[in-house]
Amino acid sequence: MLPRPPERPTERSSLPALHLGIDEAGRGPVIGPLVLSGVWVRAEHRAKLRDLGVKDSKSFGSSGKAQKRRAQLAEQIRGMASCVVVLTVDAAEVSRRVRLGELNLLEQELAEVIVASGPPSLRIVADGARLFGPLCARHPQLRALDRADVNHPCVAAASIVAKVERDAQFHSIVERFEAELGPIRGGGYVNDDTAAFLRAYFDRFGELPPDVRDSWNWPVLRELHRRRAGLPAVQPAEQLSLLETEPS
């Protein structure tokens, strides 16, 4: 189920010449929510966003220092913006929509909710030409562009707000397990640290942890699904493939 539109978000004004930037965080991870954000700014404030150092959230990196800097910027963005809307979809719903082949449709629906939740916008810019292009027919002022988070400050602002919210929710997930399993790194993305966490959790509890997108096509998840079903972790064909690729 999609998040319901917020009860009329806090606005400073409904002045014309507002620019709305839309971006997401958490499309690719195997653990945690998908977050979409919309940030409305007055046209004359776009340069101020650049002056603050607002840029694509990914460009900051993933270190603790980077997370702190993004959090600081998100607070400043909220102080400057005319309106901010953040929508979250949990891992179970993301998995369901992936099984249906509807991940893009899900993001388009979320973007529609964002547009309807805030003040009228002179211009809307969304990150992803193919992803958000279908919305242009219903919103003539919308431009769906690749690398919009790099080239448009209002979209970069939305990317930062979304990333900060996703990071906060991911941290709340891992805090429940760190006492038993130790530090959990990797941010929930498809990487060795996330694989180590999933295997450690499975070894301890015999199942996948909550907030996992179990429909993701990742060998580690396939392995754990097979173990949960009482099957060998690696299928015979996969074992043969591994043997064939070993160096002589």
C-alpha atoms as a PDB file:
ATOM      1  CA  MET A   1       0.000   0.000   0.000  1.00  0.00           C
ATOM      2  CA  LEU A   2       1.300   3.440  -0.890  1.00  0.00           C
ATOM      3  CA  PRO A   3       1.866   5.998   1.832  1.00  0.00           C
ATOM      4  CA  ARG A   4      -1.053   8.363   2.261  1.00  0.00           C
ATOM      5  CA  PRO A   5      -0.454  12.012   1.378  1.00  0.00           C
ATOM      6  CA  PRO A   6       0.635  13.950   4.445  1.00  0.00           C
ATOM      7  CA  GLU A   7      -1.806  16.205   6.211  1.00  0.00           C
ATOM      8  CA  ARG A   8      -1.019  19.423   4.356  1.00  0.00           C
ATOM      9  CA  PRO A   9       2.733  19.852   4.940  1.00  0.00           C
ATOM     10  CA  THR A  10       4.169  22.926   6.550  1.00  0.00           C
ATOM     11  CA  GLU A  11       4.426  25.686   3.956  1.00  0.00           C
ATOM     12  CA  ARG A  12       5.754  29.175   4.087  1.00  0.00           C
ATOM     13  CA  SER A  13       3.832  30.297   1.091  1.00  0.00           C
ATOM     14  CA  SER A  14       2.047  29.172  -2.046  1.00  0.00           C
ATOM     15  CA  LEU A  15       3.738  31.816  -4.135  1.00  0.00           C
ATOM     16  CA  PRO A  16       4.159  31.212  -7.851  1.00  0.00           C
ATOM     17  CA  ALA A  17       7.631  30.514  -9.232  1.00  0.00           C
ATOM     18  CA  LEU A  18       8.179  27.585  -6.901  1.00  0.00           C
ATOM     19  CA  HIS A  19      10.440  24.872  -8.282  1.00  0.00           C
ATOM     20  CA  LEU A  20       9.890  21.293  -7.120  1.00  0.00           C
ATOM     21  CA  GLY A  21      12.712  18.747  -7.168  1.00  0.00           C
ATOM     22  CA  ILE A  22      11.965  15.025  -6.803  1.00  0.00           C
ATOM     23  CA  ASP A  23      14.478  12.279  -6.101  1.00  0.00           C
ATOM     24  CA  GLU A  24      14.763   8.963  -4.297  1.00  0.00           C
ATOM     25  CA  ALA A  25      17.144   7.108  -2.022  1.00  0.00           C
ATOM     26  CA  GLY A  26      17.266   3.379  -1.502  1.00  0.00           C
ATOM     27  CA  ARG A  27      16.150   1.949  -4.833  1.00  0.00           C
ATOM     28  CA  GLY A  28      18.983  -0.578  -4.983  1.00  0.00           C
ATOM     29  CA  PRO A  29      19.657  -1.843  -1.423  1.00  0.00           C
ATOM     30  CA  VAL A  30      18.628  -5.304  -0.311  1.00  0.00           C
ATOM     31  CA  ILE A  31      17.771  -4.086   3.211  1.00  0.00           C
ATOM     32  CA  GLY A  32      15.602  -1.171   4.238  1.00  0.00           C
ATOM     33  CA  PRO A  33      13.009   1.179   2.763  1.00  0.00           C
ATOM     34  CA  LEU A  34      12.699   3.121  -0.447  1.00  0.00           C
ATOM     35  CA  VAL A  35      12.395   6.852   0.236  1.00  0.00           C
ATOM     36  CA  LEU A  36      11.174   9.517  -2.162  1.00  0.00           C
ATOM     37  CA  SER A  37      11.427  13.222  -1.371  1.00  0.00           C
ATOM     38  CA  GLY A  38      10.063  16.407  -2.874  1.00  0.00           C
ATOM     39  CA  VAL A  39      11.575  19.810  -2.096  1.00  0.00           C
ATOM     40  CA  TRP A  40       9.892  23.051  -3.168  1.00  0.00           C
ATOM     41  CA  VAL A  41      12.100  26.138  -3.361  1.00  0.00           C
ATOM     42  CA  ARG A  42      11.558  29.622  -4.679  1.00  0.00           C
ATOM     43  CA  ALA A  43      13.363  30.212  -7.957  1.00  0.00           C
ATOM     44  CA  GLU A  44      15.662  32.804  -6.428  1.00  0.00           C
ATOM     45  CA  HIS A  45      16.802  30.332  -3.750  1.00  0.00           C
ATOM     46  CA  ARG A  46      18.370  27.858  -6.155  1.00  0.00           C
ATOM     47  CA  ALA A  47      21.688  29.713  -6.088  1.00  0.00           C
ATOM     48  CA  LYS A  48      21.563  29.757  -2.281  1.00  0.00           C
ATOM     49  CA  LEU A  49      21.301  25.980  -2.281  1.00  0.00           C
ATOM     50  CA  ARG A  50      24.491  25.764  -4.329  1.00  0.00           C
ATOM     51  CA  ASP A  51      26.178  28.212  -1.980  1.00  0.00           C
ATOM     52  CA  LEU A  52      25.291  25.942   0.957  1.00  0.00           C
ATOM     53  CA  GLY A  53      27.096  23.076  -0.790  1.00  0.00           C
ATOM     54  CA  VAL A  54      23.970  21.194  -1.833  1.00  0.00           C
ATOM     55  CA  LYS A  55      24.836  18.578  -4.446  1.00  0.00           C
ATOM     56  CA  ASP A  56      23.992  14.999  -5.350  1.00  0.00           C
ATOM     57  CA  SER A  57      23.785  13.047  -2.093  1.00  0.00           C
ATOM     58  CA  LYS A  58      25.933  10.191  -3.467  1.00  0.00           C
ATOM     59  CA  SER A  59      28.847  12.554  -4.060  1.00  0.00           C
ATOM     60  CA  PHE A  60      29.416  12.880  -0.294  1.00  0.00           C
ATOM     61  CA  GLY A  61      30.289   9.204   0.113  1.00  0.00           C
ATOM     62  CA  SER A  62      29.220   6.859   2.905  1.00  0.00           C
ATOM     63  CA  SER A  63      31.533   7.700   5.804  1.00  0.00           C
ATOM     64  CA  GLY A  64      30.321   8.925   9.175  1.00  0.00           C
ATOM     65  CA  LYS A  65      31.574  12.382   8.260  1.00  0.00           C
ATOM     66  CA  ALA A  66      29.563  12.300   5.028  1.00  0.00           C
ATOM     67  CA  GLN A  67      26.405  11.255   6.866  1.00  0.00           C
ATOM     68  CA  LYS A  68      26.848  14.078   9.358  1.00  0.00           C
ATOM     69  CA  ARG A  69      27.339  16.615   6.574  1.00  0.00           C
ATOM     70  CA  ARG A  70      24.216  15.418   4.747  1.00  0.00           C
ATOM     71  CA  ALA A  71      22.214  15.663   7.965  1.00  0.00           C
ATOM     72  CA  GLN A  72      23.386  19.251   8.458  1.00  0.00           C
ATOM     73  CA  LEU A  73      22.452  20.141   4.909  1.00  0.00           C
ATOM     74  CA  ALA A  74      19.052  18.474   5.216  1.00  0.00           C
ATOM     75  CA  GLU A  75      18.282  20.688   8.196  1.00  0.00           C
ATOM     76  CA  GLN A  76      19.349  23.791   6.267  1.00  0.00           C
ATOM     77  CA  ILE A  77      17.321  22.705   3.242  1.00  0.00           C
ATOM     78  CA  ARG A  78      14.201  22.333   5.390  1.00  0.00           C
ATOM     79  CA  GLY A  79      14.827  25.807   6.774  1.00  0.00           C
ATOM     80  CA  MET A  80      15.045  27.329   3.302  1.00  0.00           C
ATOM     81  CA  ALA A  81      12.415  25.306   1.435  1.00  0.00           C
ATOM     82  CA  SER A  82       8.831  26.427   0.993  1.00  0.00           C
ATOM     83  CA  CYS A  83       7.709  22.820   1.470  1.00  0.00           C
ATOM     84  CA  VAL A  84       9.273  19.388   1.980  1.00  0.00           C
ATOM     85  CA  VAL A  85       7.492  16.032   1.585  1.00  0.00           C
ATOM     86  CA  VAL A  86       9.097  12.659   2.356  1.00  0.00           C
ATOM     87  CA  LEU A  87       7.449   9.311   1.552  1.00  0.00           C
ATOM     88  CA  THR A  88       8.698   5.906   2.688  1.00  0.00           C
ATOM     89  CA  VAL A  89       7.868   2.438   1.352  1.00  0.00           C
ATOM     90  CA  ASP A  90       8.953  -0.544   3.433  1.00  0.00           C
ATOM     91  CA  ALA A  91      10.967  -3.492   2.131  1.00  0.00           C
ATOM     92  CA  ALA A  92       7.972  -5.833   1.967  1.00  0.00           C
ATOM     93  CA  GLU A  93       6.049  -3.542  -0.368  1.00  0.00           C
ATOM     94  CA  VAL A  94       9.122  -2.899  -2.495  1.00  0.00           C
ATOM     95  CA  SER A  95       9.607  -6.672  -2.818  1.00  0.00           C
ATOM     96  CA  ARG A  96       5.964  -7.151  -3.772  1.00  0.00           C
ATOM     97  CA  ARG A  97       6.137  -4.549  -6.492  1.00  0.00           C
ATOM     98  CA  VAL A  98       9.409  -5.975  -7.825  1.00  0.00           C
ATOM     99  CA  ARG A  99       7.759  -9.392  -8.187  1.00  0.00           C
ATOM    100  CA  LEU A 100       5.051  -7.699 -10.243  1.00  0.00           C
ATOM    101  CA  GLY A 101       7.611  -5.857 -12.349  1.00  0.00           C
ATOM    102  CA  GLU A 102       6.291  -2.553 -11.008  1.00  0.00           C
ATOM    103  CA  LEU A 103       9.235  -0.882  -9.295  1.00  0.00           C
ATOM    104  CA  ASN A 104       9.217   2.020 -11.766  1.00  0.00           C
ATOM    105  CA  LEU A 105       5.454   2.308 -11.473  1.00  0.00           C
ATOM    106  CA  LEU A 106       5.782   2.439  -7.689  1.00  0.00           C
ATOM    107  CA  GLU A 107       8.166   5.396  -7.906  1.00  0.00           C
ATOM    108  CA  GLN A 108       5.892   7.144 -10.389  1.00  0.00           C
ATOM    109  CA  GLU A 109       2.956   6.724  -8.015  1.00  0.00           C
ATOM    110  CA  LEU A 110       5.001   8.141  -5.156  1.00  0.00           C
ATOM    111  CA  ALA A 111       5.995  11.121  -7.293  1.00  0.00           C
ATOM    112  CA  GLU A 112       2.313  11.765  -8.050  1.00  0.00           C
ATOM    113  CA  VAL A 113       1.581  11.739  -4.323  1.00  0.00           C
ATOM    114  CA  ILE A 114       4.380  14.242  -3.734  1.00  0.00           C
ATOM    115  CA  VAL A 115       3.148  16.612  -6.450  1.00  0.00           C
ATOM    116  CA  ALA A 116      -0.383  16.495  -5.022  1.00  0.00           C
ATOM    117  CA  SER A 117       0.822  17.046  -1.455  1.00  0.00           C
ATOM    118  CA  GLY A 118       2.458  20.454  -1.857  1.00  0.00           C
ATOM    119  CA  PRO A 119       1.872  23.869  -3.354  1.00  0.00           C
ATOM    120  CA  PRO A 120       1.501  24.508  -7.096  1.00  0.00           C
ATOM    121  CA  SER A 121       4.831  24.492  -8.898  1.00  0.00           C
ATOM    122  CA  LEU A 122       5.939  26.558 -11.847  1.00  0.00           C
ATOM    123  CA  ARG A 123       8.477  23.854 -12.663  1.00  0.00           C
ATOM    124  CA  ILE A 124       8.996  20.257 -11.564  1.00  0.00           C
ATOM    125  CA  VAL A 125      12.253  18.407 -12.158  1.00  0.00           C
ATOM    126  CA  ALA A 126      12.509  14.676 -11.407  1.00  0.00           C
ATOM    127  CA  ASP A 127      15.668  12.577 -11.551  1.00  0.00           C
ATOM    128  CA  GLY A 128      15.386   9.909 -14.255  1.00  0.00           C
ATOM    129  CA  ALA A 129      14.289  10.485 -17.859  1.00  0.00           C
ATOM    130  CA  ARG A 130      12.906   7.001 -18.413  1.00  0.00           C
ATOM    131  CA  LEU A 131      11.661   6.559 -14.865  1.00  0.00           C
ATOM    132  CA  PHE A 132       9.593   9.730 -14.568  1.00  0.00           C
ATOM    133  CA  GLY A 133       9.035  10.505 -18.256  1.00  0.00           C
ATOM    134  CA  PRO A 134       5.503   9.006 -18.248  1.00  0.00           C
ATOM    135  CA  LEU A 135       4.401  11.708 -15.782  1.00  0.00           C
ATOM    136  CA  CYS A 136       5.107  14.540 -18.233  1.00  0.00           C
ATOM    137  CA  ALA A 137       1.832  13.968 -20.053  1.00  0.00           C
ATOM    138  CA  ARG A 138      -0.127  14.723 -16.869  1.00  0.00           C
ATOM    139  CA  HIS A 139       2.170  17.493 -15.657  1.00  0.00           C
ATOM    140  CA  PRO A 140       3.272  19.777 -18.514  1.00  0.00           C
ATOM    141  CA  GLN A 141       5.624  21.668 -16.187  1.00  0.00           C
ATOM    142  CA  LEU A 142       7.520  18.468 -15.303  1.00  0.00           C
ATOM    143  CA  ARG A 143      10.896  17.644 -16.798  1.00  0.00           C
ATOM    144  CA  ALA A 144      12.258  14.135 -16.275  1.00  0.00           C
ATOM    145  CA  LEU A 145      16.024  14.287 -16.685  1.00  0.00           C
ATOM    146  CA  ASP A 146      18.976  11.992 -16.181  1.00  0.00           C
ATOM    147  CA  ARG A 147      21.551  13.379 -13.728  1.00  0.00           C
ATOM    148  CA  ALA A 148      19.051  15.950 -12.537  1.00  0.00           C
ATOM    149  CA  ASP A 149      20.490  15.542  -9.026  1.00  0.00           C
ATOM    150  CA  VAL A 150      23.810  16.805 -10.408  1.00  0.00           C
ATOM    151  CA  ASN A 151      22.498  19.665 -12.523  1.00  0.00           C
ATOM    152  CA  HIS A 152      19.484  21.011 -10.601  1.00  0.00           C
ATOM    153  CA  PRO A 153      19.836  22.242  -6.996  1.00  0.00           C
ATOM    154  CA  CYS A 154      16.234  21.514  -6.019  1.00  0.00           C
ATOM    155  CA  VAL A 155      16.675  17.870  -7.090  1.00  0.00           C
ATOM    156  CA  ALA A 156      20.009  17.629  -5.279  1.00  0.00           C
ATOM    157  CA  ALA A 157      18.222  18.970  -2.193  1.00  0.00           C
ATOM    158  CA  ALA A 158      15.553  16.275  -2.536  1.00  0.00           C
ATOM    159  CA  SER A 159      18.248  13.612  -2.909  1.00  0.00           C
ATOM    160  CA  ILE A 160      19.890  14.737   0.346  1.00  0.00           C
ATOM    161  CA  VAL A 161      16.633  14.835   2.304  1.00  0.00           C
ATOM    162  CA  ALA A 162      15.679  11.370   1.023  1.00  0.00           C
ATOM    163  CA  LYS A 163      19.125   9.927   1.765  1.00  0.00           C
ATOM    164  CA  VAL A 164      19.179  11.290   5.317  1.00  0.00           C
ATOM    165  CA  GLU A 165      15.760   9.768   6.006  1.00  0.00           C
ATOM    166  CA  ARG A 166      16.786   6.404   4.542  1.00  0.00           C
ATOM    167  CA  ASP A 167      20.014   6.363   6.534  1.00  0.00           C
ATOM    168  CA  ALA A 168      18.102   7.110   9.747  1.00  0.00           C
ATOM    169  CA  GLN A 169      15.657   4.280   9.092  1.00  0.00           C
ATOM    170  CA  PHE A 170      18.447   1.863   8.196  1.00  0.00           C
ATOM    171  CA  HIS A 171      20.313   2.703  11.402  1.00  0.00           C
ATOM    172  CA  SER A 172      17.182   1.998  13.426  1.00  0.00           C
ATOM    173  CA  ILE A 173      16.975  -1.416  11.733  1.00  0.00           C
ATOM    174  CA  VAL A 174      20.554  -2.463  12.434  1.00  0.00           C
ATOM    175  CA  GLU A 175      20.559  -1.152  16.009  1.00  0.00           C
ATOM    176  CA  ARG A 176      18.153  -3.970  16.902  1.00  0.00           C
ATOM    177  CA  PHE A 177      20.761  -6.596  15.996  1.00  0.00           C
ATOM    178  CA  GLU A 178      24.183  -5.069  16.644  1.00  0.00           C
ATOM    179  CA  ALA A 179      24.268  -6.192  20.281  1.00  0.00           C
ATOM    180  CA  GLU A 180      24.114  -9.841  19.176  1.00  0.00           C
ATOM    181  CA  LEU A 181      25.867  -9.700  15.814  1.00  0.00           C
ATOM    182  CA  GLY A 182      28.375  -6.897  16.235  1.00  0.00           C
ATOM    183  CA  PRO A 183      28.807  -3.858  13.981  1.00  0.00           C
ATOM    184  CA  ILE A 184      26.685  -4.037  10.828  1.00  0.00           C
ATOM    185  CA  ARG A 185      28.231  -2.239   7.894  1.00  0.00           C
ATOM    186  CA  GLY A 186      27.441  -1.960   4.211  1.00  0.00           C
ATOM    187  CA  GLY A 187      24.391   0.275   4.418  1.00  0.00           C
ATOM    188  CA  GLY A 188      22.125  -2.572   3.333  1.00  0.00           C
ATOM    189  CA  TYR A 189      23.457  -2.426  -0.218  1.00  0.00           C
ATOM    190  CA  VAL A 190      24.587  -5.439  -2.239  1.00  0.00           C
ATOM    191  CA  ASN A 191      28.127  -5.847  -0.944  1.00  0.00           C
ATOM    192  CA  ASP A 192      30.303  -8.150   1.172  1.00  0.00           C
ATOM    193  CA  ASP A 193      29.397  -6.456   4.469  1.00  0.00           C
ATOM    194  CA  THR A 194      25.676  -6.902   3.869  1.00  0.00           C
ATOM    195  CA  ALA A 195      26.265 -10.509   2.831  1.00  0.00           C
ATOM    196  CA  ALA A 196      28.188 -11.154   6.063  1.00  0.00           C
ATOM    197  CA  PHE A 197      25.348  -9.688   8.120  1.00  0.00           C
ATOM    198  CA  LEU A 198      22.669 -11.737   6.351  1.00  0.00           C
ATOM    199  CA  ARG A 199      24.620 -14.965   6.757  1.00  0.00           C
ATOM    200  CA  ALA A 200      25.383 -14.244  10.419  1.00  0.00           C
ATOM    201  CA  TYR A 201      21.729 -13.490  11.093  1.00  0.00           C
ATOM    202  CA  PHE A 202      20.624 -16.643   9.287  1.00  0.00           C
ATOM    203  CA  ASP A 203      23.145 -18.772  11.176  1.00  0.00           C
ATOM    204  CA  ARG A 204      21.815 -17.391  14.474  1.00  0.00           C
ATOM    205  CA  PHE A 205      18.055 -17.378  13.792  1.00  0.00           C
ATOM    206  CA  GLY A 206      17.495 -19.691  10.831  1.00  0.00           C
ATOM    207  CA  GLU A 207      15.705 -17.070   8.766  1.00  0.00           C
ATOM    208  CA  LEU A 208      16.212 -13.768   6.995  1.00  0.00           C
ATOM    209  CA  PRO A 209      16.058 -10.621   9.110  1.00  0.00           C
ATOM    210  CA  PRO A 210      13.109  -8.239   8.893  1.00  0.00           C
ATOM    211  CA  ASP A 211      13.268  -5.407   6.367  1.00  0.00           C
ATOM    212  CA  VAL A 212      14.977  -7.551   3.708  1.00  0.00           C
ATOM    213  CA  ARG A 213      13.783  -7.297   0.112  1.00  0.00           C
ATOM    214  CA  ASP A 214      13.610 -11.023  -0.373  1.00  0.00           C
ATOM    215  CA  SER A 215      12.674 -10.779  -4.050  1.00  0.00           C
ATOM    216  CA  TRP A 216      16.077  -9.315  -4.969  1.00  0.00           C
ATOM    217  CA  ASN A 217      17.957 -11.483  -7.468  1.00  0.00           C
ATOM    218  CA  TRP A 218      21.229 -11.739  -5.556  1.00  0.00           C
ATOM    219  CA  PRO A 219      23.230 -14.983  -5.160  1.00  0.00           C
ATOM    220  CA  VAL A 220      23.484 -14.467  -1.386  1.00  0.00           C
ATOM    221  CA  LEU A 221      19.710 -14.307  -1.045  1.00  0.00           C
ATOM    222  CA  ARG A 222      19.275 -17.315  -3.338  1.00  0.00           C
ATOM    223  CA  GLU A 223      21.710 -19.209  -1.118  1.00  0.00           C
ATOM    224  CA  LEU A 224      19.792 -18.326   2.053  1.00  0.00           C
ATOM    225  CA  HIS A 225      16.418 -19.106   0.476  1.00  0.00           C
ATOM    226  CA  ARG A 226      17.744 -22.571  -0.391  1.00  0.00           C
ATOM    227  CA  ARG A 227      19.145 -23.098   3.099  1.00  0.00           C
ATOM    228  CA  ARG A 228      15.823 -22.104   4.618  1.00  0.00           C
ATOM    229  CA  ALA A 229      14.131 -24.711   2.417  1.00  0.00           C
ATOM    230  CA  GLY A 230      16.622 -27.363   3.587  1.00  0.00           C
ATOM    231  CA  LEU A 231      18.407 -27.511   0.242  1.00  0.00           C
ATOM    232  CA  PRO A 232      22.140 -27.204  -0.485  1.00  0.00           C
ATOM    233  CA  ALA A 233      23.275 -23.611  -0.358  1.00  0.00           C
ATOM    234  CA  VAL A 234      24.605 -23.886  -3.923  1.00  0.00           C
ATOM    235  CA  GLN A 235      22.784 -25.741  -6.694  1.00  0.00           C
ATOM    236  CA  PRO A 236      24.756 -28.508  -8.459  1.00  0.00           C
ATOM    237  CA  ALA A 237      24.912 -26.490 -11.696  1.00  0.00           C
ATOM    238  CA  GLU A 238      26.335 -23.559  -9.758  1.00  0.00           C
ATOM    239  CA  GLN A 239      28.903 -25.837  -8.104  1.00  0.00           C
ATOM    240  CA  LEU A 240      30.022 -27.072 -11.532  1.00  0.00           C
ATOM    241  CA  SER A 241      30.270 -23.494 -12.770  1.00  0.00           C
ATOM    242  CA  LEU A 242      32.430 -22.565  -9.795  1.00  0.00           C
ATOM    243  CA  LEU A 243      34.743 -25.522 -10.465  1.00  0.00           C
ATOM    244  CA  GLU A 244      35.046 -24.582 -14.124  1.00  0.00           C
ATOM    245  CA  THR A 245      36.090 -21.048 -13.283  1.00  0.00           C
ATOM    246  CA  GLU A 246      38.790 -21.995 -10.776  1.00  0.00           C
ATOM    247  CA  PRO A 247      42.295 -21.155 -11.992  1.00  0.00           C
ATOM    248  CA  SER A 248      44.341 -24.123 -13.160  1.00  0.00           C
END
